[in-house]
Amino acid sequence: MTNTADSQPVHQVELDTTGLYCPEPIMLMHNKVRDMRSGEILKVVATDPATTRDIPKFCSFLGHELVAQEESDGHYLYFIRLG
């Protein structure tokens, strides 16, 4: 699923994991979602290519919805609706 910057989903919380590598982005996401409510959308910014594998698995395993994802110039954006 890919969106352009103009059509990015509205999000309530943003997490910037730029410069961090596995497993740090996922660990930070676990901490961040604890403070959020079901239905809210988390925007995650990452530079680790492993997130293209890890974040969809994170969502599937924990019952969250990966609403959108995109990649541009080595930056990965994910929009996750909490289950």
PDB file of N, CA and C in Angstrom:
ATOM      1  N   MET A   1       0.841  -1.165   0.000  1.00  0.00           N
ATOM      2  CA  MET A   1       0.000   0.000   0.000  1.00  0.00           C
ATOM      3  C   MET A   1       0.894   1.238   0.000  1.00  0.00           C
ATOM      4  N   THR A   2       0.732   2.118  -0.946  1.00  0.00           N
ATOM      5  CA  THR A   2       1.577   3.303  -1.023  1.00  0.00           C
ATOM      6  C   THR A   2       0.712   4.531  -1.215  1.00  0.00           C
ATOM      7  N   ASN A   3       1.029   5.581  -0.506  1.00  0.00           N
ATOM      8  CA  ASN A   3       0.330   6.853  -0.624  1.00  0.00           C
ATOM      9  C   ASN A   3       1.339   7.936  -0.961  1.00  0.00           C
ATOM     10  N   THR A   4       0.861   9.021  -1.563  1.00  0.00           N
ATOM     11  CA  THR A   4       1.719  10.176  -1.750  1.00  0.00           C
ATOM     12  C   THR A   4       1.636  11.044  -0.510  1.00  0.00           C
ATOM     13  N   ALA A   5       2.585  11.965  -0.359  1.00  0.00           N
ATOM     14  CA  ALA A   5       2.608  12.827   0.825  1.00  0.00           C
ATOM     15  C   ALA A   5       1.316  13.633   0.951  1.00  0.00           C
ATOM     16  N   ASP A   6       0.693  13.975  -0.185  1.00  0.00           N
ATOM     17  CA  ASP A   6      -0.530  14.768  -0.156  1.00  0.00           C
ATOM     18  C   ASP A   6      -1.713  13.992   0.387  1.00  0.00           C
ATOM     19  N   SER A   7      -1.653  12.663   0.341  1.00  0.00           N
ATOM     20  CA  SER A   7      -2.806  11.875   0.763  1.00  0.00           C
ATOM     21  C   SER A   7      -2.502  11.015   1.991  1.00  0.00           C
ATOM     22  N   GLN A   8      -1.541  11.437   2.797  1.00  0.00           N
ATOM     23  CA  GLN A   8      -1.206  10.678   3.999  1.00  0.00           C
ATOM     24  C   GLN A   8      -2.372  10.700   4.979  1.00  0.00           C
ATOM     25  N   PRO A   9      -2.606   9.575   5.639  1.00  0.00           N
ATOM     26  CA  PRO A   9      -3.685   9.527   6.631  1.00  0.00           C
ATOM     27  C   PRO A   9      -3.449  10.507   7.785  1.00  0.00           C
ATOM     28  N   VAL A  10      -4.530  11.000   8.337  1.00  0.00           N
ATOM     29  CA  VAL A  10      -4.449  11.845   9.526  1.00  0.00           C
ATOM     30  C   VAL A  10      -3.974  10.952  10.668  1.00  0.00           C
ATOM     31  N   HIS A  11      -3.014  11.440  11.435  1.00  0.00           N
ATOM     32  CA  HIS A  11      -2.480  10.645  12.536  1.00  0.00           C
ATOM     33  C   HIS A  11      -2.482  11.472  13.813  1.00  0.00           C
ATOM     34  N   GLN A  12      -2.590  10.777  14.937  1.00  0.00           N
ATOM     35  CA  GLN A  12      -2.621  11.442  16.235  1.00  0.00           C
ATOM     36  C   GLN A  12      -1.241  11.506  16.879  1.00  0.00           C
ATOM     37  N   VAL A  13      -0.391  10.534  16.568  1.00  0.00           N
ATOM     38  CA  VAL A  13       0.914  10.439  17.209  1.00  0.00           C
ATOM     39  C   VAL A  13       1.952  10.126  16.146  1.00  0.00           C
ATOM     40  N   GLU A  14       3.157  10.703  16.297  1.00  0.00           N
ATOM     41  CA  GLU A  14       4.262  10.431  15.376  1.00  0.00           C
ATOM     42  C   GLU A  14       5.461   9.929  16.163  1.00  0.00           C
ATOM     43  N   LEU A  15       6.123   8.931  15.601  1.00  0.00           N
ATOM     44  CA  LEU A  15       7.326   8.364  16.194  1.00  0.00           C
ATOM     45  C   LEU A  15       8.431   8.405  15.153  1.00  0.00           C
ATOM     46  N   ASP A  16       9.514   9.128  15.439  1.00  0.00           N
ATOM     47  CA  ASP A  16      10.647   9.237  14.518  1.00  0.00           C
ATOM     48  C   ASP A  16      11.754   8.302  14.985  1.00  0.00           C
ATOM     49  N   THR A  17      12.003   7.255  14.197  1.00  0.00           N
ATOM     50  CA  THR A  17      13.064   6.299  14.527  1.00  0.00           C
ATOM     51  C   THR A  17      14.234   6.428  13.558  1.00  0.00           C
ATOM     52  N   THR A  18      14.349   7.586  12.921  1.00  0.00           N
ATOM     53  CA  THR A  18      15.419   7.829  11.964  1.00  0.00           C
ATOM     54  C   THR A  18      16.784   7.563  12.598  1.00  0.00           C
ATOM     55  N   GLY A  19      17.598   6.794  11.884  1.00  0.00           N
ATOM     56  CA  GLY A  19      18.942   6.498  12.352  1.00  0.00           C
ATOM     57  C   GLY A  19      19.041   5.297  13.273  1.00  0.00           C
ATOM     58  N   LEU A  20      17.910   4.731  13.660  1.00  0.00           N
ATOM     59  CA  LEU A  20      17.912   3.569  14.546  1.00  0.00           C
ATOM     60  C   LEU A  20      17.760   2.284  13.735  1.00  0.00           C
ATOM     61  N   TYR A  21      18.334   1.211  14.248  1.00  0.00           N
ATOM     62  CA  TYR A  21      18.292  -0.071  13.561  1.00  0.00           C
ATOM     63  C   TYR A  21      17.679  -1.133  14.451  1.00  0.00           C
ATOM     64  N   CYS A  22      17.201  -2.190  13.814  1.00  0.00           N
ATOM     65  CA  CYS A  22      16.566  -3.317  14.485  1.00  0.00           C
ATOM     66  C   CYS A  22      17.404  -3.745  15.684  1.00  0.00           C
ATOM     67  N   PRO A  23      16.765  -3.890  16.823  1.00  0.00           N
ATOM     68  CA  PRO A  23      15.321  -3.937  17.109  1.00  0.00           C
ATOM     69  C   PRO A  23      14.756  -2.639  17.663  1.00  0.00           C
ATOM     70  N   GLU A  24      15.536  -1.562  17.679  1.00  0.00           N
ATOM     71  CA  GLU A  24      15.104  -0.324  18.339  1.00  0.00           C
ATOM     72  C   GLU A  24      13.785   0.261  17.822  1.00  0.00           C
ATOM     73  N   PRO A  25      13.560   0.351  16.492  1.00  0.00           N
ATOM     74  CA  PRO A  25      12.278   0.918  16.054  1.00  0.00           C
ATOM     75  C   PRO A  25      11.065   0.167  16.603  1.00  0.00           C
ATOM     76  N   ILE A  26      11.137  -1.164  16.618  1.00  0.00           N
ATOM     77  CA  ILE A  26      10.009  -1.956  17.120  1.00  0.00           C
ATOM     78  C   ILE A  26       9.860  -1.796  18.628  1.00  0.00           C
ATOM     79  N   MET A  27      10.951  -1.747  19.339  1.00  0.00           N
ATOM     80  CA  MET A  27      10.890  -1.543  20.789  1.00  0.00           C
ATOM     81  C   MET A  27      10.235  -0.206  21.122  1.00  0.00           C
ATOM     82  N   LEU A  28      10.615   0.845  20.390  1.00  0.00           N
ATOM     83  CA  LEU A  28      10.020   2.165  20.613  1.00  0.00           C
ATOM     84  C   LEU A  28       8.535   2.172  20.255  1.00  0.00           C
ATOM     85  N   MET A  29       8.169   1.440  19.203  1.00  0.00           N
ATOM     86  CA  MET A  29       6.756   1.348  18.825  1.00  0.00           C
ATOM     87  C   MET A  29       5.946   0.678  19.932  1.00  0.00           C
ATOM     88  N   HIS A  30       6.481  -0.398  20.510  1.00  0.00           N
ATOM     89  CA  HIS A  30       5.787  -1.066  21.620  1.00  0.00           C
ATOM     90  C   HIS A  30       5.519  -0.079  22.749  1.00  0.00           C
ATOM     91  N   ASN A  31       6.511   0.725  23.091  1.00  0.00           N
ATOM     92  CA  ASN A  31       6.342   1.704  24.163  1.00  0.00           C
ATOM     93  C   ASN A  31       5.317   2.769  23.791  1.00  0.00           C
ATOM     94  N   LYS A  32       5.357   3.235  22.554  1.00  0.00           N
ATOM     95  CA  LYS A  32       4.469   4.308  22.109  1.00  0.00           C
ATOM     96  C   LYS A  32       3.006   3.859  22.085  1.00  0.00           C
ATOM     97  N   VAL A  33       2.728   2.656  21.589  1.00  0.00           N
ATOM     98  CA  VAL A  33       1.333   2.221  21.477  1.00  0.00           C
ATOM     99  C   VAL A  33       0.697   1.989  22.842  1.00  0.00           C
ATOM    100  N   ARG A  34       1.497   1.783  23.868  1.00  0.00           N
ATOM    101  CA  ARG A  34       0.949   1.623  25.221  1.00  0.00           C
ATOM    102  C   ARG A  34       0.226   2.879  25.686  1.00  0.00           C
ATOM    103  N   ASP A  35       0.645   4.037  25.178  1.00  0.00           N
ATOM    104  CA  ASP A  35       0.064   5.313  25.582  1.00  0.00           C
ATOM    105  C   ASP A  35      -1.067   5.758  24.656  1.00  0.00           C
ATOM    106  N   MET A  36      -1.416   4.920  23.676  1.00  0.00           N
ATOM    107  CA  MET A  36      -2.426   5.294  22.689  1.00  0.00           C
ATOM    108  C   MET A  36      -3.710   4.490  22.906  1.00  0.00           C
ATOM    109  N   ARG A  37      -4.777   4.960  22.265  1.00  0.00           N
ATOM    110  CA  ARG A  37      -6.077   4.292  22.350  1.00  0.00           C
ATOM    111  C   ARG A  37      -6.367   3.534  21.056  1.00  0.00           C
ATOM    112  N   SER A  38      -7.204   2.544  21.170  1.00  0.00           N
ATOM    113  CA  SER A  38      -7.660   1.794  20.000  1.00  0.00           C
ATOM    114  C   SER A  38      -8.290   2.757  18.992  1.00  0.00           C
ATOM    115  N   GLY A  39      -7.949   2.574  17.727  1.00  0.00           N
ATOM    116  CA  GLY A  39      -8.483   3.417  16.659  1.00  0.00           C
ATOM    117  C   GLY A  39      -7.602   4.597  16.297  1.00  0.00           C
ATOM    118  N   GLU A  40      -6.699   4.990  17.191  1.00  0.00           N
ATOM    119  CA  GLU A  40      -5.785   6.088  16.875  1.00  0.00           C
ATOM    120  C   GLU A  40      -4.757   5.614  15.858  1.00  0.00           C
ATOM    121  N   ILE A  41      -4.201   6.577  15.112  1.00  0.00           N
ATOM    122  CA  ILE A  41      -3.211   6.250  14.087  1.00  0.00           C
ATOM    123  C   ILE A  41      -1.848   6.776  14.506  1.00  0.00           C
ATOM    124  N   LEU A  42      -0.870   5.885  14.419  1.00  0.00           N
ATOM    125  CA  LEU A  42       0.530   6.187  14.703  1.00  0.00           C
ATOM    126  C   LEU A  42       1.281   6.295  13.392  1.00  0.00           C
ATOM    127  N   LYS A  43       1.985   7.399  13.198  1.00  0.00           N
ATOM    128  CA  LYS A  43       2.872   7.566  12.048  1.00  0.00           C
ATOM    129  C   LYS A  43       4.281   7.231  12.520  1.00  0.00           C
ATOM    130  N   VAL A  44       4.950   6.321  11.814  1.00  0.00           N
ATOM    131  CA  VAL A  44       6.315   5.950  12.142  1.00  0.00           C
ATOM    132  C   VAL A  44       7.210   6.340  10.976  1.00  0.00           C
ATOM    133  N   VAL A  45       8.296   7.057  11.282  1.00  0.00           N
ATOM    134  CA  VAL A  45       9.307   7.428  10.287  1.00  0.00           C
ATOM    135  C   VAL A  45      10.545   6.606  10.612  1.00  0.00           C
ATOM    136  N   ALA A  46      11.087   5.923   9.605  1.00  0.00           N
ATOM    137  CA  ALA A  46      12.239   5.059   9.830  1.00  0.00           C
ATOM    138  C   ALA A  46      13.224   5.155   8.667  1.00  0.00           C
ATOM    139  N   THR A  47      14.454   4.757   8.929  1.00  0.00           N
ATOM    140  CA  THR A  47      15.468   4.657   7.879  1.00  0.00           C
ATOM    141  C   THR A  47      16.003   3.235   7.760  1.00  0.00           C
ATOM    142  N   ASP A  48      15.627   2.366   8.669  1.00  0.00           N
ATOM    143  CA  ASP A  48      16.087   0.976   8.652  1.00  0.00           C
ATOM    144  C   ASP A  48      15.249   0.168   7.655  1.00  0.00           C
ATOM    145  N   PRO A  49      15.873  -0.376   6.601  1.00  0.00           N
ATOM    146  CA  PRO A  49      15.120  -1.170   5.629  1.00  0.00           C
ATOM    147  C   PRO A  49      14.446  -2.399   6.243  1.00  0.00           C
ATOM    148  N   ALA A  50      14.949  -2.885   7.368  1.00  0.00           N
ATOM    149  CA  ALA A  50      14.337  -4.044   8.023  1.00  0.00           C
ATOM    150  C   ALA A  50      12.915  -3.745   8.497  1.00  0.00           C
ATOM    151  N   THR A  51      12.569  -2.470   8.635  1.00  0.00           N
ATOM    152  CA  THR A  51      11.215  -2.127   9.071  1.00  0.00           C
ATOM    153  C   THR A  51      10.173  -2.545   8.036  1.00  0.00           C
ATOM    154  N   THR A  52      10.574  -2.685   6.770  1.00  0.00           N
ATOM    155  CA  THR A  52       9.619  -3.119   5.740  1.00  0.00           C
ATOM    156  C   THR A  52       9.132  -4.538   6.020  1.00  0.00           C
ATOM    157  N   ARG A  53       9.907  -5.294   6.743  1.00  0.00           N
ATOM    158  CA  ARG A  53       9.530  -6.644   7.158  1.00  0.00           C
ATOM    159  C   ARG A  53       8.943  -6.622   8.571  1.00  0.00           C
ATOM    160  N   ASP A  54       9.596  -5.890   9.468  1.00  0.00           N
ATOM    161  CA  ASP A  54       9.255  -5.930  10.888  1.00  0.00           C
ATOM    162  C   ASP A  54       7.928  -5.263  11.227  1.00  0.00           C
ATOM    163  N   ILE A  55       7.634  -4.130  10.629  1.00  0.00           N
ATOM    164  CA  ILE A  55       6.415  -3.394  10.994  1.00  0.00           C
ATOM    165  C   ILE A  55       5.150  -4.124  10.540  1.00  0.00           C
ATOM    166  N   PRO A  56       5.094  -4.667   9.308  1.00  0.00           N
ATOM    167  CA  PRO A  56       3.898  -5.463   8.972  1.00  0.00           C
ATOM    168  C   PRO A  56       3.708  -6.661   9.903  1.00  0.00           C
ATOM    169  N   LYS A  57       4.796  -7.317  10.309  1.00  0.00           N
ATOM    170  CA  LYS A  57       4.689  -8.439  11.247  1.00  0.00           C
ATOM    171  C   LYS A  57       4.215  -7.964  12.617  1.00  0.00           C
ATOM    172  N   PHE A  58       4.723  -6.818  13.065  1.00  0.00           N
ATOM    173  CA  PHE A  58       4.297  -6.210  14.325  1.00  0.00           C
ATOM    174  C   PHE A  58       2.782  -6.001  14.307  1.00  0.00           C
ATOM    175  N   CYS A  59       2.288  -5.416  13.221  1.00  0.00           N
ATOM    176  CA  CYS A  59       0.854  -5.131  13.101  1.00  0.00           C
ATOM    177  C   CYS A  59       0.037  -6.415  13.098  1.00  0.00           C
ATOM    178  N   SER A  60       0.454  -7.371  12.311  1.00  0.00           N
ATOM    179  CA  SER A  60      -0.268  -8.633  12.205  1.00  0.00           C
ATOM    180  C   SER A  60      -0.312  -9.363  13.543  1.00  0.00           C
ATOM    181  N   PHE A  61       0.804  -9.423  14.211  1.00  0.00           N
ATOM    182  CA  PHE A  61       0.913 -10.152  15.465  1.00  0.00           C
ATOM    183  C   PHE A  61       0.081  -9.522  16.579  1.00  0.00           C
ATOM    184  N   LEU A  62       0.042  -8.168  16.607  1.00  0.00           N
ATOM    185  CA  LEU A  62      -0.641  -7.473  17.694  1.00  0.00           C
ATOM    186  C   LEU A  62      -2.055  -6.994  17.347  1.00  0.00           C
ATOM    187  N   GLY A  63      -2.510  -7.292  16.122  1.00  0.00           N
ATOM    188  CA  GLY A  63      -3.875  -6.942  15.751  1.00  0.00           C
ATOM    189  C   GLY A  63      -4.076  -5.500  15.357  1.00  0.00           C
ATOM    190  N   HIS A  64      -3.022  -4.827  14.898  1.00  0.00           N
ATOM    191  CA  HIS A  64      -3.131  -3.459  14.416  1.00  0.00           C
ATOM    192  C   HIS A  64      -3.259  -3.479  12.894  1.00  0.00           C
ATOM    193  N   GLU A  65      -3.764  -2.390  12.326  1.00  0.00           N
ATOM    194  CA  GLU A  65      -3.935  -2.294  10.882  1.00  0.00           C
ATOM    195  C   GLU A  65      -2.861  -1.390  10.284  1.00  0.00           C
ATOM    196  N   LEU A  66      -2.114  -1.906   9.330  1.00  0.00           N
ATOM    197  CA  LEU A  66      -1.159  -1.084   8.590  1.00  0.00           C
ATOM    198  C   LEU A  66      -1.953  -0.371   7.505  1.00  0.00           C
ATOM    199  N   VAL A  67      -2.307   0.885   7.778  1.00  0.00           N
ATOM    200  CA  VAL A  67      -3.188   1.653   6.903  1.00  0.00           C
ATOM    201  C   VAL A  67      -2.471   2.047   5.616  1.00  0.00           C
ATOM    202  N   ALA A  68      -1.202   2.465   5.739  1.00  0.00           N
ATOM    203  CA  ALA A  68      -0.437   2.900   4.571  1.00  0.00           C
ATOM    204  C   ALA A  68       1.042   2.815   4.880  1.00  0.00           C
ATOM    205  N   GLN A  69       1.824   2.647   3.813  1.00  0.00           N
ATOM    206  CA  GLN A  69       3.276   2.710   3.948  1.00  0.00           C
ATOM    207  C   GLN A  69       3.845   3.245   2.656  1.00  0.00           C
ATOM    208  N   GLU A  70       4.986   3.909   2.769  1.00  0.00           N
ATOM    209  CA  GLU A  70       5.661   4.436   1.583  1.00  0.00           C
ATOM    210  C   GLU A  70       7.150   4.551   1.850  1.00  0.00           C
ATOM    211  N   GLU A  71       7.906   4.605   0.778  1.00  0.00           N
ATOM    212  CA  GLU A  71       9.356   4.740   0.865  1.00  0.00           C
ATOM    213  C   GLU A  71       9.786   5.821  -0.102  1.00  0.00           C
ATOM    214  N   SER A  72      10.665   6.700   0.363  1.00  0.00           N
ATOM    215  CA  SER A  72      11.179   7.763  -0.487  1.00  0.00           C
ATOM    216  C   SER A  72      12.550   8.185   0.015  1.00  0.00           C
ATOM    217  N   ASP A  73      13.530   8.126  -0.850  1.00  0.00           N
ATOM    218  CA  ASP A  73      14.885   8.579  -0.530  1.00  0.00           C
ATOM    219  C   ASP A  73      15.433   7.977   0.758  1.00  0.00           C
ATOM    220  N   GLY A  74      15.222   6.678   0.950  1.00  0.00           N
ATOM    221  CA  GLY A  74      15.765   6.009   2.119  1.00  0.00           C
ATOM    222  C   GLY A  74      14.995   6.222   3.408  1.00  0.00           C
ATOM    223  N   HIS A  75      13.854   6.886   3.315  1.00  0.00           N
ATOM    224  CA  HIS A  75      12.986   7.066   4.490  1.00  0.00           C
ATOM    225  C   HIS A  75      11.711   6.258   4.266  1.00  0.00           C
ATOM    226  N   TYR A  76      11.301   5.593   5.324  1.00  0.00           N
ATOM    227  CA  TYR A  76      10.104   4.749   5.272  1.00  0.00           C
ATOM    228  C   TYR A  76       9.057   5.353   6.197  1.00  0.00           C
ATOM    229  N   LEU A  77       7.847   5.468   5.697  1.00  0.00           N
ATOM    230  CA  LEU A  77       6.735   5.992   6.482  1.00  0.00           C
ATOM    231  C   LEU A  77       5.683   4.913   6.638  1.00  0.00           C
ATOM    232  N   TYR A  78       5.157   4.771   7.839  1.00  0.00           N
ATOM    233  CA  TYR A  78       4.126   3.789   8.137  1.00  0.00           C
ATOM    234  C   TYR A  78       3.020   4.481   8.912  1.00  0.00           C
ATOM    235  N   PHE A  79       1.793   4.115   8.609  1.00  0.00           N
ATOM    236  CA  PHE A  79       0.629   4.624   9.327  1.00  0.00           C
ATOM    237  C   PHE A  79      -0.124   3.419   9.862  1.00  0.00           C
ATOM    238  N   ILE A  80      -0.204   3.337  11.176  1.00  0.00           N
ATOM    239  CA  ILE A  80      -0.737   2.156  11.854  1.00  0.00           C
ATOM    240  C   ILE A  80      -1.937   2.548  12.711  1.00  0.00           C
ATOM    241  N   ARG A  81      -3.084   1.915  12.425  1.00  0.00           N
ATOM    242  CA  ARG A  81      -4.285   2.130  13.240  1.00  0.00           C
ATOM    243  C   ARG A  81      -4.292   1.067  14.327  1.00  0.00           C
ATOM    244  N   LEU A  82      -4.325   1.509  15.571  1.00  0.00           N
ATOM    245  CA  LEU A  82      -4.294   0.567  16.683  1.00  0.00           C
ATOM    246  C   LEU A  82      -5.583  -0.225  16.778  1.00  0.00           C
ATOM    247  N   GLY A  83      -5.422  -1.521  17.017  1.00  0.00           N
ATOM    248  CA  GLY A  83      -6.555  -2.431  17.154  1.00  0.00           C
ATOM    249  C   GLY A  83      -7.096  -2.424  18.558  1.00  0.00           C
TER     250      GLY A  83
END
